[in-house]
Amino acid sequence: MAVNGGRGRGGGRPTLEEVAARAGVGRGTVSRVINGSPRVSDATRAAVQAAVAELGYVPNTAARALAANRTDAIALVVPEPETRFFAEPYFSDMLRGVGAELTDTEMQLLLIFAGGDRERRRLAQYLAAHRVDGVLLVSVHADDPLPDLVAQLEIPAVISGPRSAAEALTSVDSDNYGGARSAVEHLLSRGRRRIAHITGHMDVYGAQRRVDGYRDALGDAGLGVDEHLVEQGDFTEEGGRRAMTRLLERAPGLDAVFAGSDVTAAGARQVLRASGRRIPEDVALVGYDDSAIARHMDPPLTSVRQPIEEMGRAMIDLLLTEIAGRRPAGAAAPERRHAVLPTELVVRTSS
């Protein structure tokens, strides 16, 4: 019986068997063509593709995933409050890179916030049920239990920014140390000598590495680090305002500020302006991330560019590789990979 118009026998959805009958081949041959196997002749592939087009056959991806013990889903887990995710460009840039790299795959992306204990417990139950094939972890703090949970469940995972130099999960990061050094060396080349640093969260390894770069750049220039010029922030605008206020109270003669993020620099700028300091005449200002905030600030902000979108793409590449090579239960764990992408100082008017 002829079948057309995208309807199978009984008016239902066309089946794999009907495509095989129309093309004059076996069911297994149709499956190989649909899955892109090279073990099919050009003539056979053309016949199957023609039958697929005539019948309007759509592969049942859910059934295929079930048969392969897969969900065709990846979780992007952010252990931060939703308000921070939507306020900071870092997260939207990361999401853009991840999404772009998944475009040509059949994977679905699930965005999951786990900023509190209740959300973490719910996520733990979700992951334990193996409802995703892999996990991307973004903005993880050193004491966060999620990475260890994922490792115990043997779910393929990639973390954005290792928790320490001994990170057990596959990770992608930017050169935080080198980026910070380049920022401070730039300020030194402009004749600045009282250079303050507003850090990020100090339980974030990337923030620790930026402090290391700041200290070493000053040390190599023959300048000791004045601890009064180092103030802890939290990567937020409000944190930048608080830190800048304390710095001016302790060291009113500072002539430059290296902020842990562009958002932090924006907060610092508000306090500097309110105190009568001109940027860059009185105080030079450098941020980190090279986000849209840096380009639109007045004056435009010098910033260390970390390739956030590229980091997102690299995370997906590594995760898909881990998913494809998922080891059998009880097998030895594969060697973890740690990718570090270069940073670049983008000089603008603020310094």
Protein backbone atom coordinates (compact mmCIF):
# COMPACT_ATOMS: atom_id res chain seq x y z
CA MET A 1 0.00 0.00 0.00
CA ALA A 2 1.36 3.42 -0.89
CA VAL A 3 2.21 5.64 2.09
CA ASN A 4 2.66 9.37 1.72
CA GLY A 5 1.98 12.72 3.28
CA GLY A 6 3.95 11.82 6.42
CA ARG A 7 1.37 9.22 7.59
CA GLY A 8 2.11 5.56 8.18
CA ARG A 9 -0.15 2.52 8.18
CA GLY A 10 -3.43 3.35 9.88
CA GLY A 11 -2.73 7.06 9.44
CA GLY A 12 0.02 7.08 12.10
CA ARG A 13 3.58 8.25 12.07
CA PRO A 14 5.80 6.54 9.43
CA THR A 15 7.98 3.78 10.88
CA LEU A 16 11.52 2.65 10.22
CA GLU A 17 10.14 -0.54 8.67
CA GLU A 18 8.03 1.44 6.17
CA VAL A 19 11.06 3.47 5.13
CA ALA A 20 12.98 0.21 4.64
CA ALA A 21 10.17 -1.25 2.51
CA ARG A 22 9.93 1.87 0.38
CA ALA A 23 13.71 1.95 -0.19
CA GLY A 24 13.93 -1.81 -0.78
CA VAL A 25 16.50 -2.37 1.96
CA GLY A 26 16.63 -3.86 5.43
CA ARG A 27 15.74 -2.05 8.66
CA GLY A 28 19.36 -2.09 9.81
CA THR A 29 20.48 -0.35 6.60
CA VAL A 30 17.99 2.46 7.19
CA SER A 31 19.27 2.83 10.75
CA ARG A 32 22.87 3.08 9.52
CA VAL A 33 21.96 5.79 7.00
CA ILE A 34 20.05 7.82 9.58
CA ASN A 35 22.95 7.58 12.05
CA GLY A 36 25.51 8.64 9.43
CA SER A 37 27.38 5.37 9.16
CA PRO A 38 29.94 5.25 6.31
CA ARG A 39 29.23 1.52 5.80
CA VAL A 40 26.54 2.22 3.19
CA SER A 41 26.92 2.66 -0.58
CA ASP A 42 26.08 6.03 -2.13
CA ALA A 43 23.22 4.46 -4.13
CA THR A 44 21.68 2.86 -1.03
CA ARG A 45 22.06 6.07 0.97
CA ALA A 46 20.29 8.01 -1.80
CA ALA A 47 17.43 5.48 -1.91
CA VAL A 48 16.93 5.64 1.85
CA GLN A 49 17.08 9.44 1.92
CA ALA A 50 14.50 9.58 -0.87
CA ALA A 51 12.20 7.23 1.08
CA VAL A 52 12.62 9.34 4.23
CA ALA A 53 11.67 12.45 2.28
CA GLU A 54 8.67 10.84 0.57
CA LEU A 55 7.23 9.42 3.78
CA GLY A 56 8.09 12.37 5.99
CA TYR A 57 9.84 10.05 8.44
CA VAL A 58 11.20 11.69 11.61
CA PRO A 59 13.65 9.64 13.73
CA ASN A 60 12.43 8.90 17.24
CA THR A 61 15.36 10.43 19.09
CA ALA A 62 13.87 9.65 22.49
CA ALA A 63 13.70 5.94 21.71
CA ARG A 64 17.21 5.97 20.29
CA ALA A 65 18.52 7.68 23.41
CA LEU A 66 16.73 5.18 25.66
CA ALA A 67 18.18 2.26 23.74
CA ALA A 68 21.65 3.72 24.10
CA ASN A 69 21.10 4.43 27.84
CA ARG A 70 21.31 8.15 27.15
CA THR A 71 19.08 11.15 27.77
CA ASP A 72 20.54 13.50 25.12
CA ALA A 73 20.53 16.23 27.78
CA ILE A 74 23.28 18.26 29.43
CA ALA A 75 22.89 20.26 32.64
CA LEU A 76 24.56 23.66 33.01
CA VAL A 77 24.71 24.03 36.79
CA VAL A 78 25.28 27.45 38.35
CA PRO A 79 25.68 27.35 42.16
CA GLU A 80 24.83 31.05 42.46
CA PRO A 81 21.62 33.03 43.04
CA GLU A 82 19.60 33.70 39.88
CA THR A 83 19.94 37.46 40.47
CA ARG A 84 23.70 37.26 40.04
CA PHE A 85 23.42 35.11 36.93
CA PHE A 86 21.25 37.66 35.13
CA ALA A 87 23.20 40.69 36.41
CA GLU A 88 26.72 39.72 35.33
CA PRO A 89 27.81 39.50 31.67
CA TYR A 90 30.19 36.62 32.45
CA PHE A 91 27.31 34.16 32.72
CA SER A 92 25.46 35.27 29.60
CA ASP A 93 28.69 35.09 27.58
CA MET A 94 29.38 31.60 28.90
CA LEU A 95 25.83 30.49 28.07
CA ARG A 96 26.18 31.93 24.56
CA GLY A 97 29.33 29.89 23.91
CA VAL A 98 27.81 26.70 25.29
CA GLY A 99 24.63 27.14 23.24
CA ALA A 100 26.51 27.88 20.04
CA GLU A 101 28.59 24.72 20.35
CA LEU A 102 25.50 22.59 20.94
CA THR A 103 23.66 23.93 17.88
CA ASP A 104 24.75 21.10 15.59
CA THR A 105 24.07 18.33 18.11
CA GLU A 106 20.89 16.66 19.33
CA MET A 107 21.70 17.56 22.93
CA GLN A 108 19.26 19.61 24.99
CA LEU A 109 20.66 22.12 27.49
CA LEU A 110 19.12 22.42 30.96
CA LEU A 111 19.97 25.51 33.02
CA ILE A 112 19.89 24.69 36.74
CA PHE A 113 20.49 27.13 39.61
CA ALA A 114 21.81 25.69 42.87
CA GLY A 115 22.52 28.73 45.01
CA GLY A 116 21.08 27.36 48.26
CA ASP A 117 21.02 24.15 50.29
CA ARG A 118 17.50 23.25 49.20
CA GLU A 119 18.37 23.63 45.51
CA ARG A 120 21.53 21.56 46.00
CA ARG A 121 19.58 18.72 47.62
CA ARG A 122 17.05 18.75 44.79
CA LEU A 123 19.86 18.75 42.22
CA ALA A 124 21.59 15.86 43.96
CA GLN A 125 18.44 13.76 43.65
CA TYR A 126 18.04 14.75 40.00
CA LEU A 127 21.61 13.81 39.11
CA ALA A 128 21.45 10.57 41.09
CA ALA A 129 18.55 9.52 38.84
CA HIS A 130 20.92 9.95 35.85
CA ARG A 131 18.53 12.24 34.00
CA VAL A 132 21.37 13.94 32.11
CA ASP A 133 24.33 12.62 30.15
CA GLY A 134 26.76 15.20 31.46
CA VAL A 135 27.20 18.27 33.64
CA LEU A 136 28.83 21.66 33.16
CA LEU A 137 29.69 23.40 36.44
CA VAL A 138 30.15 27.18 36.34
CA SER A 139 31.26 29.56 39.13
CA VAL A 140 32.08 26.89 41.70
CA HIS A 141 33.54 27.87 45.07
CA ALA A 142 36.22 25.85 46.83
CA ASP A 143 33.91 24.40 49.50
CA ASP A 144 31.07 23.51 47.14
CA PRO A 145 30.14 19.79 47.46
CA LEU A 146 28.60 19.55 43.97
CA PRO A 147 31.78 18.62 42.03
CA ASP A 148 32.50 15.75 44.44
CA LEU A 149 28.90 14.56 44.17
CA VAL A 150 29.12 14.52 40.38
CA ALA A 151 32.41 12.61 40.56
CA GLN A 152 30.91 10.03 42.96
CA LEU A 153 27.98 9.48 40.60
CA GLU A 154 30.48 8.99 37.72
CA ILE A 155 28.62 11.48 35.54
CA PRO A 156 30.80 13.04 32.82
CA ALA A 157 31.50 16.60 33.94
CA VAL A 158 33.57 19.68 33.10
CA ILE A 159 34.13 22.56 35.51
CA SER A 160 34.69 26.18 34.53
CA GLY A 161 37.67 27.24 36.58
CA PRO A 162 39.27 24.53 38.76
CA ARG A 163 38.74 24.67 42.53
CA SER A 164 42.49 24.29 43.09
CA ALA A 165 45.68 23.27 41.36
CA ALA A 166 44.74 19.67 42.19
CA GLU A 167 41.30 19.73 40.52
CA ALA A 168 40.02 16.20 39.92
CA LEU A 169 37.45 17.08 37.26
CA THR A 170 38.20 18.06 33.68
CA SER A 171 38.36 21.86 33.64
CA VAL A 172 38.48 24.91 31.38
CA ASP A 173 39.90 28.20 32.58
CA SER A 174 41.55 31.38 31.38
CA ASP A 175 45.06 32.48 32.35
CA ASN A 176 44.07 34.41 35.47
CA TYR A 177 47.63 34.78 36.68
CA GLY A 178 48.93 36.10 33.37
CA GLY A 179 45.94 38.39 32.93
CA ALA A 180 46.48 40.01 36.32
CA ARG A 181 50.19 40.45 35.67
CA SER A 182 49.51 42.18 32.37
CA ALA A 183 47.07 44.58 34.07
CA VAL A 184 49.53 45.58 36.78
CA GLU A 185 52.49 45.80 34.41
CA HIS A 186 50.42 48.12 32.22
CA LEU A 187 49.67 50.39 35.19
CA LEU A 188 53.34 50.38 36.20
CA SER A 189 54.30 51.39 32.64
CA ARG A 190 51.99 54.40 33.04
CA GLY A 191 53.97 55.53 36.07
CA ARG A 192 51.53 54.34 38.71
CA ARG A 193 53.09 53.17 41.96
CA ARG A 194 50.26 52.99 44.53
CA ILE A 195 48.26 50.27 42.80
CA ALA A 196 45.32 48.83 44.72
CA HIS A 197 43.59 45.54 44.00
CA ILE A 198 39.95 44.70 44.65
CA THR A 199 39.83 40.91 44.58
CA GLY A 200 37.03 38.53 43.72
CA HIS A 201 35.69 35.85 46.07
CA MET A 202 38.84 34.43 47.65
CA ASP A 203 37.35 30.93 47.76
CA VAL A 204 37.45 30.99 43.96
CA TYR A 205 40.74 29.68 42.59
CA GLY A 206 40.73 32.13 39.68
CA ALA A 207 40.55 35.06 42.12
CA GLN A 208 43.48 33.62 44.07
CA ARG A 209 45.55 33.37 40.89
CA ARG A 210 44.78 37.01 40.03
CA VAL A 211 46.07 38.06 43.43
CA ASP A 212 49.22 36.02 42.78
CA GLY A 213 49.72 37.79 39.45
CA TYR A 214 49.17 41.19 41.08
CA ARG A 215 51.71 40.47 43.83
CA ASP A 216 54.36 39.03 41.52
CA ALA A 217 54.12 41.93 39.06
CA LEU A 218 54.71 44.42 41.87
CA GLY A 219 57.50 42.30 43.31
CA ASP A 220 59.29 41.99 39.97
CA ALA A 221 59.11 45.78 39.64
CA GLY A 222 60.91 46.16 42.97
CA LEU A 223 57.82 47.33 44.82
CA GLY A 224 56.66 45.62 47.96
CA VAL A 225 52.98 44.77 48.30
CA ASP A 226 51.24 47.17 50.67
CA GLU A 227 48.50 45.10 52.30
CA HIS A 228 46.50 48.30 52.84
CA LEU A 229 46.07 48.37 49.07
CA VAL A 230 44.45 44.92 48.84
CA GLU A 231 40.73 44.69 49.60
CA GLN A 232 38.46 41.69 49.16
CA GLY A 233 35.48 42.00 46.84
CA ASP A 234 32.99 39.51 45.47
CA PHE A 235 32.87 40.24 41.71
CA THR A 236 29.73 42.38 42.19
CA GLU A 237 29.08 46.11 41.70
CA GLU A 238 28.06 46.61 45.32
CA GLY A 239 31.17 44.74 46.40
CA GLY A 240 33.23 47.14 44.30
CA ARG A 241 31.64 50.13 45.99
CA ARG A 242 32.26 48.76 49.48
CA ALA A 243 35.85 47.79 48.74
CA MET A 244 36.67 51.13 47.09
CA THR A 245 35.27 53.03 50.07
CA ARG A 246 37.49 51.09 52.47
CA LEU A 247 40.54 51.50 50.25
CA LEU A 248 40.16 55.30 50.13
CA GLU A 249 39.79 55.39 53.90
CA ARG A 250 43.04 53.46 54.38
CA ALA A 251 45.07 54.70 51.43
CA PRO A 252 43.73 58.04 50.11
CA GLY A 253 46.91 58.51 48.06
CA LEU A 254 46.41 55.46 45.82
CA ASP A 255 46.86 56.24 42.13
CA ALA A 256 45.51 53.09 40.43
CA VAL A 257 43.00 50.29 40.97
CA PHE A 258 42.96 46.84 39.42
CA ALA A 259 39.46 45.39 39.93
CA GLY A 260 38.61 41.68 39.88
CA SER A 261 35.84 42.19 37.29
CA ASP A 262 34.34 44.89 35.10
CA VAL A 263 31.24 44.92 37.29
CA THR A 264 33.43 45.50 40.34
CA ALA A 265 35.28 48.27 38.49
CA ALA A 266 31.93 49.96 37.76
CA GLY A 267 31.19 50.06 41.48
CA ALA A 268 34.68 51.36 42.28
CA ARG A 269 34.31 54.08 39.65
CA GLN A 270 31.16 55.42 41.32
CA VAL A 271 32.99 55.85 44.64
CA LEU A 272 36.05 57.42 43.01
CA ARG A 273 33.87 59.94 41.19
CA ALA A 274 31.91 60.73 44.36
CA SER A 275 35.19 61.38 46.21
CA GLY A 276 36.34 63.87 43.57
CA ARG A 277 38.95 61.62 41.94
CA ARG A 278 39.32 61.99 38.18
CA ILE A 279 39.78 58.88 36.02
CA PRO A 280 42.47 58.42 34.79
CA GLU A 281 44.17 61.70 35.81
CA ASP A 282 44.09 61.00 39.55
CA VAL A 283 43.37 57.28 39.63
CA ALA A 284 43.80 54.84 36.74
CA LEU A 285 41.26 52.01 36.63
CA VAL A 286 41.51 48.51 35.10
CA GLY A 287 38.86 45.79 35.14
CA TYR A 288 38.65 42.13 34.18
CA ASP A 289 36.49 40.28 31.61
CA ASP A 290 36.30 42.93 28.82
CA SER A 291 32.52 42.79 28.90
CA ALA A 292 30.09 45.24 27.31
CA ILE A 293 30.25 47.19 30.58
CA ALA A 294 33.91 48.00 29.90
CA ARG A 295 33.18 49.42 26.45
CA HIS A 296 30.24 51.54 27.58
CA MET A 297 31.72 52.95 30.78
CA ASP A 298 32.70 56.63 31.00
CA PRO A 299 35.60 56.74 30.43
CA PRO A 300 35.84 53.42 28.54
CA LEU A 301 37.45 50.84 30.80
CA THR A 302 40.80 49.16 30.23
CA SER A 303 40.15 45.49 30.91
CA VAL A 304 41.69 42.04 30.72
CA ARG A 305 39.78 40.04 28.14
CA GLN A 306 39.18 36.45 29.02
CA PRO A 307 37.61 34.52 26.13
CA ILE A 308 34.42 33.55 27.95
CA GLU A 309 32.44 32.38 24.90
CA GLU A 310 35.41 30.31 23.75
CA MET A 311 35.61 28.81 27.24
CA GLY A 312 31.97 27.75 26.93
CA ARG A 313 32.67 26.14 23.57
CA ALA A 314 35.73 24.34 24.94
CA MET A 315 33.71 23.02 27.89
CA ILE A 316 31.15 21.47 25.54
CA ASP A 317 33.87 19.92 23.35
CA LEU A 318 35.52 18.29 26.36
CA LEU A 319 32.20 17.16 27.84
CA LEU A 320 30.98 15.55 24.61
CA THR A 321 34.30 13.72 24.39
CA GLU A 322 33.84 12.40 27.93
CA ILE A 323 30.25 11.36 27.22
CA ALA A 324 31.30 9.50 24.06
CA GLY A 325 34.03 7.67 25.95
CA ARG A 326 32.03 6.99 29.12
CA ARG A 327 33.78 4.15 30.94
CA PRO A 328 32.08 0.93 32.08
CA ALA A 329 31.30 0.57 35.78
CA GLY A 330 34.40 -0.36 37.75
CA ALA A 331 36.85 0.68 35.03
CA ALA A 332 39.74 2.99 35.85
CA ALA A 333 38.98 6.71 35.65
CA PRO A 334 40.33 8.40 32.51
CA GLU A 335 43.01 11.05 32.74
CA ARG A 336 41.46 14.47 33.33
CA ARG A 337 42.19 17.32 30.93
CA HIS A 338 42.74 20.92 31.97
CA ALA A 339 42.53 23.58 29.28
CA VAL A 340 43.82 27.11 29.96
CA LEU A 341 42.93 29.76 27.38
CA PRO A 342 45.04 32.93 26.95
CA THR A 343 43.94 36.39 28.10
CA GLU A 344 44.54 39.76 26.48
CA LEU A 345 44.77 43.28 27.92
CA VAL A 346 42.49 45.70 26.04
CA VAL A 347 43.71 49.25 26.71
CA ARG A 348 41.17 52.10 26.83
CA THR A 349 40.92 55.60 28.26
CA SER A 350 40.49 54.69 31.95
CA SER A 351 44.20 53.96 32.35
